[in-house]
Amino acid sequence: MSQDAAPFAPPFCPNPRCAFHCGDTTSWEWVRNGSFRRLNDPRRIQRFRCGDCRRNFSEQTFHESYWLKRPELYDKIFADLVACAALRQIARKYDISPQTAALHAARIGRHCLLLHAMLIAALLSGDESILEALVLDSFQSFEFSQYHPTLFHLLAGKESHFIYGFTDSELRRSGRMTARQRRRRAELERAFGRPDPRSIQREVAKLLAIVASKPQCLVLHTDEHQDYRRAIRDVPHLTIEHHTVSSRAARTTRNPLWVLNLIDLLIRHSGANHKRETIAFSKRRQCGAARLWAFLVWRNVGKWISERKRGETPGMRAGVTTQRWSVKRILKGRLFPGRIAVPARWQVYYWGLTPTRRIPNARRHQLKYAA
């Protein structure tokens, strides 16, 4: 009996404009169209042609290393991103340019966003509602300089520690400042505008609407921030039992916000760009969000809740997975945005549309075929 693996058969057409990209593929016709040998990985790759749209593609089109010149670094850079390595440190480690490291980080962030959207859709499929209590809090960082603070609003399960998602808001710099710093803030606001003072309310409401899109009852724990109360009023399809905790309460395991206090600690511990005092800060909110998507998936399915006990991951406790996923498992296979239902607010992160006031012409994700 032959031990050779069965020849690869494409599961769908990779062309997002083709009728067989998302629809039923039982009647889809395709033909083999030669082959080629890769330069980086010397193996023969089968080519195909779609019988409907006539698009040419290959077996490599469905692989996670598609369009990568250094595919051997993909999983290594992911591991470094959640191990508190800065982009220039990663570049020096692998003898690549910082731009290459940044492009890999952005691609990993897009992949993790799509993967998380798939996991959330599977978790909340059908008429299922969120049964556990939720914890909402905002993690503060900054982009470009400390004159441009950023809040990432995170929503997690109180019992499972599973992070359901996040949105972000830009803030006006506040707190204690010298007279010179106040003048500088005024100059920047005249030149680039002032952040929306209701951004927190709007973005928290969007986050709640994404995670709980169907009418249901929720138990929500937050601190005493007034914008959270206003945001809850902006999601009338939800019946929310809201509990508040003082932000000055001891941050112990008895604190209802303990789950997100721990997640905030892990974000700063695992991401060089979110340290309190660092030169590795994200120059754009978009880049900070990409790294946060990588952390979110790694925390949910790749990291134990307790490193000492190693019993469960948040994803296992939430019922999303049955075992801990390795980095290779997280990055396995190429995901296509046209085949995954991604909320409109999160699509902004995928296509790189998050604005940075000081960098108006920043790079966006506009490649037609690359991930």
Protein backbone atom coordinates (compact mmCIF):
# COMPACT_ATOMS: atom_id res chain seq x y z
CA MET A 1 0.00 0.00 0.00
CA SER A 2 1.43 3.42 -0.95
CA GLN A 3 2.41 5.70 1.92
CA ASP A 4 2.48 8.84 -0.25
CA ALA A 5 0.25 11.71 0.87
CA ALA A 6 -2.81 12.42 -1.23
CA PRO A 7 -2.31 15.22 -3.77
CA PHE A 8 -3.40 18.64 -2.57
CA ALA A 9 -6.90 19.71 -3.64
CA PRO A 10 -7.82 23.40 -3.27
CA PRO A 11 -10.77 23.85 -0.86
CA PHE A 12 -12.09 27.01 -2.55
CA CYS A 13 -11.10 29.70 -5.03
CA PRO A 14 -8.81 32.30 -3.39
CA ASN A 15 -10.19 35.10 -5.58
CA PRO A 16 -12.55 37.15 -3.34
CA ARG A 17 -14.59 38.14 -6.43
CA CYS A 18 -15.23 34.55 -7.46
CA ALA A 19 -18.56 32.89 -6.70
CA PHE A 20 -16.70 29.89 -5.27
CA HIS A 21 -14.69 31.89 -2.74
CA CYS A 22 -17.35 31.83 0.00
CA GLY A 23 -20.24 29.88 -1.47
CA ASP A 24 -20.89 26.18 -1.96
CA THR A 25 -17.94 24.53 -3.74
CA THR A 26 -19.53 21.14 -4.51
CA SER A 27 -19.97 22.13 -8.18
CA TRP A 28 -16.67 24.04 -8.38
CA GLU A 29 -14.39 22.98 -11.22
CA TRP A 30 -10.66 23.55 -11.26
CA VAL A 31 -7.76 22.13 -13.25
CA ARG A 32 -4.10 21.52 -12.51
CA ASN A 33 -1.96 24.01 -14.38
CA GLY A 34 1.67 22.98 -14.11
CA SER A 35 4.00 23.45 -11.17
CA PHE A 36 7.03 25.40 -10.02
CA ARG A 37 9.88 25.01 -7.57
CA ARG A 38 10.27 27.55 -4.75
CA LEU A 39 13.61 29.33 -4.35
CA ASN A 40 13.46 29.64 -0.56
CA ASP A 41 12.09 26.16 0.11
CA PRO A 42 13.21 23.87 -2.75
CA ARG A 43 10.08 21.78 -3.24
CA ARG A 44 7.66 21.50 -6.12
CA ILE A 45 4.42 23.48 -5.79
CA GLN A 46 1.32 22.58 -7.80
CA ARG A 47 -0.44 25.30 -9.78
CA PHE A 48 -4.20 25.45 -10.41
CA ARG A 49 -6.71 27.40 -12.49
CA CYS A 50 -10.27 28.18 -11.39
CA GLY A 51 -12.84 27.04 -13.93
CA ASP A 52 -15.19 29.90 -13.08
CA CYS A 53 -13.12 33.09 -12.79
CA ARG A 54 -10.03 31.69 -14.60
CA ARG A 55 -7.78 32.90 -11.78
CA ASN A 56 -4.42 31.10 -11.51
CA PHE A 57 -3.21 30.13 -8.05
CA SER A 58 -1.10 27.48 -6.36
CA GLU A 59 -0.95 25.23 -3.34
CA GLN A 60 1.23 27.88 -1.70
CA THR A 61 -1.68 30.37 -1.88
CA PHE A 62 -3.29 28.57 1.10
CA HIS A 63 -0.10 28.33 3.16
CA GLU A 64 0.80 30.70 6.01
CA SER A 65 4.14 31.49 4.32
CA TYR A 66 2.44 32.83 1.16
CA TRP A 67 4.12 36.01 -0.07
CA LEU A 68 6.85 35.83 2.60
CA LYS A 69 10.50 36.10 1.61
CA ARG A 70 11.65 34.91 5.05
CA PRO A 71 8.99 32.34 6.05
CA GLU A 72 11.31 30.69 8.57
CA LEU A 73 11.05 33.81 10.76
CA TYR A 74 7.25 33.95 10.94
CA ASP A 75 6.65 31.90 14.09
CA LYS A 76 9.90 33.09 15.66
CA ILE A 77 8.90 36.74 15.39
CA PHE A 78 5.48 35.92 16.88
CA ALA A 79 7.18 34.36 19.90
CA ASP A 80 9.43 37.41 20.25
CA LEU A 81 6.49 39.84 20.04
CA VAL A 82 4.90 38.29 23.14
CA ALA A 83 8.26 37.96 24.89
CA CYS A 84 8.80 41.70 25.31
CA ALA A 85 11.16 42.13 22.37
CA ALA A 86 11.19 45.44 20.51
CA LEU A 87 11.22 45.49 16.71
CA ARG A 88 14.83 46.64 16.47
CA GLN A 89 15.90 43.91 18.89
CA ILE A 90 14.11 41.37 16.69
CA ALA A 91 15.81 42.84 13.62
CA ARG A 92 19.26 42.56 15.19
CA LYS A 93 18.57 39.00 16.38
CA TYR A 94 17.74 37.72 12.88
CA ASP A 95 19.91 40.13 10.89
CA ILE A 96 16.98 41.72 9.10
CA SER A 97 15.82 45.31 8.72
CA PRO A 98 13.44 46.81 11.32
CA GLN A 99 10.96 47.34 8.48
CA THR A 100 10.91 43.61 7.77
CA ALA A 101 10.23 42.94 11.44
CA ALA A 102 7.45 45.55 11.42
CA LEU A 103 5.82 44.02 8.32
CA HIS A 104 5.90 40.56 9.90
CA ALA A 105 4.38 41.98 13.10
CA ALA A 106 1.57 43.66 11.13
CA ARG A 107 0.85 40.46 9.22
CA ILE A 108 0.81 38.42 12.44
CA GLY A 109 -1.62 40.94 13.92
CA ARG A 110 -3.98 40.61 10.93
CA HIS A 111 -3.84 36.82 11.12
CA CYS A 112 -4.59 36.83 14.85
CA LEU A 113 -7.51 39.23 14.35
CA LEU A 114 -9.10 36.86 11.80
CA LEU A 115 -8.40 33.85 14.01
CA HIS A 116 -10.00 35.55 17.02
CA ALA A 117 -13.05 36.51 14.93
CA MET A 118 -13.42 32.83 13.98
CA LEU A 119 -13.12 31.69 17.61
CA ILE A 120 -15.66 34.28 18.81
CA ALA A 121 -18.10 33.30 16.06
CA ALA A 122 -17.79 29.62 17.04
CA LEU A 123 -18.21 30.43 20.73
CA LEU A 124 -21.33 32.56 20.21
CA SER A 125 -22.86 30.60 17.34
CA GLY A 126 -26.61 30.05 17.14
CA ASP A 127 -28.66 31.43 20.00
CA GLU A 128 -25.96 31.02 22.62
CA SER A 129 -25.38 33.93 24.97
CA ILE A 130 -22.50 34.82 27.25
CA LEU A 131 -23.20 33.08 30.54
CA GLU A 132 -20.27 34.27 32.64
CA ALA A 133 -19.86 37.73 34.16
CA LEU A 134 -17.72 40.14 32.15
CA VAL A 135 -15.05 42.59 33.25
CA LEU A 136 -14.38 45.83 31.34
CA ASP A 137 -11.42 48.14 31.82
CA SER A 138 -9.14 50.36 29.76
CA PHE A 139 -5.40 49.95 29.34
CA GLN A 140 -3.44 53.18 28.78
CA SER A 141 -0.47 53.53 26.48
CA PHE A 142 0.56 56.17 23.92
CA GLU A 143 1.50 56.60 20.27
CA PHE A 144 4.19 58.75 18.66
CA SER A 145 4.87 60.65 21.91
CA GLN A 146 3.46 61.06 25.39
CA TYR A 147 1.40 63.99 24.09
CA HIS A 148 -0.84 61.40 22.38
CA PRO A 149 -2.14 58.94 25.01
CA THR A 150 -4.16 55.92 23.89
CA LEU A 151 -6.70 53.77 25.70
CA PHE A 152 -7.35 50.17 24.71
CA HIS A 153 -10.73 49.05 26.07
CA LEU A 154 -10.64 45.33 26.91
CA LEU A 155 -13.52 43.00 27.73
CA ALA A 156 -12.78 39.66 29.43
CA GLY A 157 -14.59 36.84 31.17
CA LYS A 158 -14.50 37.06 34.95
CA GLU A 159 -14.23 33.28 35.42
CA SER A 160 -12.58 32.13 32.20
CA HIS A 161 -10.05 35.00 31.80
CA PHE A 162 -10.90 34.82 28.06
CA ILE A 163 -10.39 38.19 26.33
CA TYR A 164 -13.40 38.77 24.08
CA GLY A 165 -11.93 41.75 22.24
CA PHE A 166 -10.93 45.39 22.38
CA THR A 167 -11.36 48.79 20.79
CA ASP A 168 -9.26 51.92 21.26
CA SER A 169 -9.59 55.65 21.90
CA GLU A 170 -7.13 58.49 21.58
CA LEU A 171 -6.95 60.85 24.55
CA ARG A 172 -5.87 64.35 25.35
CA ARG A 173 -2.75 64.44 27.51
CA SER A 174 -3.69 65.17 31.12
CA GLY A 175 -2.16 64.95 34.56
CA ARG A 176 0.63 67.00 36.03
CA MET A 177 2.47 69.07 33.40
CA THR A 178 4.92 71.93 33.45
CA ALA A 179 4.05 75.26 31.86
CA ARG A 180 6.27 74.36 28.91
CA GLN A 181 4.45 71.07 28.42
CA ARG A 182 1.07 72.80 28.49
CA ARG A 183 2.22 75.24 25.82
CA ARG A 184 3.49 72.35 23.71
CA ARG A 185 0.16 70.52 24.08
CA ALA A 186 -1.70 73.64 22.95
CA GLU A 187 0.57 73.97 19.90
CA LEU A 188 -0.04 70.35 18.90
CA GLU A 189 -3.80 70.68 19.32
CA ARG A 190 -3.85 73.78 17.13
CA ALA A 191 -1.87 71.96 14.45
CA PHE A 192 -3.46 68.49 14.56
CA GLY A 193 -6.77 68.90 16.35
CA ARG A 194 -8.07 67.73 19.69
CA PRO A 195 -9.26 64.15 20.38
CA ASP A 196 -12.99 63.50 20.66
CA PRO A 197 -13.93 63.82 24.37
CA ARG A 198 -16.69 61.20 23.89
CA SER A 199 -14.45 58.64 22.23
CA ILE A 200 -14.40 56.36 25.30
CA GLN A 201 -18.19 56.25 25.48
CA ARG A 202 -18.50 55.54 21.76
CA GLU A 203 -15.78 52.87 21.58
CA VAL A 204 -16.89 51.00 24.69
CA ALA A 205 -20.43 50.86 23.30
CA LYS A 206 -19.07 49.46 20.03
CA LEU A 207 -17.10 46.81 21.92
CA LEU A 208 -20.15 45.69 23.88
CA ALA A 209 -22.21 45.58 20.69
CA ILE A 210 -19.57 43.44 18.94
CA VAL A 211 -19.19 40.89 21.72
CA ALA A 212 -22.91 40.73 22.58
CA SER A 213 -24.62 41.46 19.28
CA LYS A 214 -27.85 39.64 20.24
CA PRO A 215 -30.33 40.76 22.92
CA GLN A 216 -29.33 39.14 26.20
CA CYS A 217 -28.68 39.77 29.88
CA LEU A 218 -25.13 40.49 30.99
CA VAL A 219 -23.36 40.98 34.31
CA LEU A 220 -20.65 43.61 33.88
CA HIS A 221 -17.98 44.77 36.33
CA THR A 222 -16.14 48.06 35.70
CA ASP A 223 -14.53 50.84 37.67
CA GLU A 224 -16.40 54.07 38.36
CA HIS A 225 -15.58 55.80 35.07
CA GLN A 226 -18.70 57.75 34.03
CA ASP A 227 -18.23 57.06 30.32
CA TYR A 228 -18.86 53.37 30.98
CA ARG A 229 -22.33 54.18 32.31
CA ARG A 230 -23.07 56.29 29.24
CA ALA A 231 -21.80 53.54 26.94
CA ILE A 232 -24.15 51.02 28.52
CA ARG A 233 -27.07 53.32 27.70
CA ASP A 234 -25.93 53.29 24.06
CA VAL A 235 -26.53 49.53 23.72
CA PRO A 236 -30.29 49.31 24.38
CA HIS A 237 -30.56 45.74 23.05
CA LEU A 238 -28.63 44.53 26.12
CA THR A 239 -29.93 44.23 29.67
CA ILE A 240 -26.81 44.86 31.75
CA GLU A 241 -26.46 44.38 35.49
CA HIS A 242 -23.68 46.89 36.12
CA HIS A 243 -21.39 46.63 39.16
CA THR A 244 -18.72 49.25 39.84
CA VAL A 245 -15.51 49.05 41.87
CA SER A 246 -13.32 51.91 43.01
CA SER A 247 -10.12 52.20 41.03
CA ARG A 248 -8.33 52.74 44.33
CA ALA A 249 -9.40 49.35 45.70
CA ALA A 250 -6.59 46.90 46.37
CA ARG A 251 -5.74 44.99 43.20
CA THR A 252 -5.84 41.54 44.74
CA THR A 253 -7.57 38.36 43.63
CA ARG A 254 -10.62 39.43 45.67
CA ASN A 255 -11.08 42.50 43.50
CA PRO A 256 -13.83 41.90 40.86
CA LEU A 257 -11.53 43.57 38.33
CA TRP A 258 -8.66 41.19 39.09
CA VAL A 259 -8.86 39.48 35.70
CA LEU A 260 -8.19 42.68 33.75
CA ASN A 261 -5.69 43.94 36.32
CA LEU A 262 -3.74 40.76 35.59
CA ILE A 263 -4.15 41.16 31.83
CA ASP A 264 -2.90 44.77 32.04
CA LEU A 265 0.14 43.53 33.95
CA LEU A 266 0.80 40.82 31.34
CA ILE A 267 0.47 43.31 28.47
CA ARG A 268 3.18 45.50 29.98
CA HIS A 269 5.24 42.44 30.87
CA SER A 270 4.98 40.87 27.41
CA GLY A 271 5.07 43.94 25.14
CA ALA A 272 8.06 46.24 24.96
CA ASN A 273 5.93 48.95 23.34
CA HIS A 274 3.70 49.25 26.43
CA LYS A 275 6.29 49.71 29.15
CA ARG A 276 5.80 52.76 31.37
CA GLU A 277 9.11 54.30 30.31
CA THR A 278 10.38 52.97 27.00
CA ILE A 279 11.91 53.98 23.69
CA ALA A 280 10.13 51.03 22.02
CA PHE A 281 6.69 52.64 22.08
CA SER A 282 4.44 52.25 19.04
CA LYS A 283 4.70 55.17 16.63
CA ARG A 284 1.12 54.48 15.49
CA ARG A 285 -1.97 53.18 17.27
CA GLN A 286 -2.40 50.80 14.35
CA CYS A 287 0.93 49.12 15.14
CA GLY A 288 0.08 48.96 18.83
CA ALA A 289 -3.26 47.33 18.00
CA ALA A 290 -1.56 44.74 15.74
CA ARG A 291 0.73 43.66 18.56
CA LEU A 292 -2.21 43.61 20.96
CA TRP A 293 -4.12 41.21 18.67
CA ALA A 294 -1.12 38.88 18.76
CA PHE A 295 -1.01 39.09 22.55
CA LEU A 296 -4.78 38.54 22.80
CA VAL A 297 -4.71 35.27 20.84
CA TRP A 298 -1.56 34.06 22.60
CA ARG A 299 -3.10 34.79 25.99
CA ASN A 300 -6.40 33.14 25.06
CA VAL A 301 -5.20 29.89 23.50
CA GLY A 302 -1.42 29.73 23.87
CA LYS A 303 -0.70 30.62 27.51
CA TRP A 304 -1.75 28.83 30.66
CA ILE A 305 -3.92 30.75 33.12
CA SER A 306 -1.41 29.70 35.76
CA GLU A 307 2.15 29.01 34.66
CA ARG A 308 2.74 27.05 37.86
CA LYS A 309 -0.33 24.77 37.73
CA ARG A 310 -0.63 24.60 33.90
CA GLY A 311 -4.17 23.30 34.06
CA GLU A 312 -6.09 25.30 31.46
CA THR A 313 -5.82 28.19 29.03
CA PRO A 314 -8.54 30.87 28.95
CA GLY A 315 -9.74 29.40 25.66
CA MET A 316 -10.09 25.94 27.20
CA ARG A 317 -12.00 27.31 30.16
CA ALA A 318 -14.31 29.31 27.86
CA GLY A 319 -14.95 26.25 25.68
CA VAL A 320 -13.27 27.62 22.56
CA THR A 321 -10.48 25.01 22.40
CA THR A 322 -9.81 21.61 23.95
CA GLN A 323 -6.05 21.98 24.37
CA ARG A 324 -3.29 24.56 24.47
CA TRP A 325 -2.17 25.77 21.05
CA SER A 326 1.48 26.15 20.09
CA VAL A 327 2.72 29.13 18.08
CA LYS A 328 2.85 26.94 14.96
CA ARG A 329 -0.77 25.91 15.54
CA ILE A 330 -1.85 29.54 15.97
CA LEU A 331 -0.19 30.59 12.72
CA LYS A 332 -1.11 27.45 10.76
CA GLY A 333 -2.76 28.11 7.41
CA ARG A 334 -3.60 31.34 5.67
CA LEU A 335 -6.87 33.00 6.66
CA PHE A 336 -8.93 34.96 4.12
CA PRO A 337 -10.84 38.06 5.31
CA GLY A 338 -13.56 37.52 2.73
CA ARG A 339 -14.47 34.15 4.27
CA ILE A 340 -14.60 35.34 7.91
CA ALA A 341 -17.25 37.60 9.41
CA VAL A 342 -15.22 40.44 10.92
CA PRO A 343 -17.14 43.27 12.66
CA ALA A 344 -16.85 46.61 10.88
CA ARG A 345 -15.00 48.19 13.81
CA TRP A 346 -12.35 45.45 13.74
CA GLN A 347 -12.01 45.67 9.96
CA VAL A 348 -10.43 49.07 10.58
CA TYR A 349 -7.58 47.25 12.33
CA TYR A 350 -7.25 44.65 9.57
CA TRP A 351 -6.93 47.16 6.74
CA GLY A 352 -4.64 49.48 8.72
CA LEU A 353 -7.09 52.39 8.79
CA THR A 354 -6.54 53.47 12.41
CA PRO A 355 -5.43 57.13 12.10
CA THR A 356 -2.42 58.75 13.74
CA ARG A 357 -2.62 62.54 13.78
CA ARG A 358 1.14 63.05 13.46
CA ILE A 359 1.47 60.58 10.54
CA PRO A 360 -1.38 61.40 8.14
CA ASN A 361 -0.06 59.31 5.20
CA ALA A 362 0.77 56.11 7.09
CA ARG A 363 0.93 52.73 5.36
CA ARG A 364 -2.35 50.88 4.88
CA HIS A 365 -2.92 47.24 4.01
CA GLN A 366 -3.82 47.43 0.32
CA LEU A 367 -2.20 44.33 -1.15
CA LYS A 368 -4.64 42.39 -3.30
CA TYR A 369 -3.35 38.87 -2.79
CA ALA A 370 -0.98 38.91 0.19
CA ALA A 371 -2.33 38.18 3.66
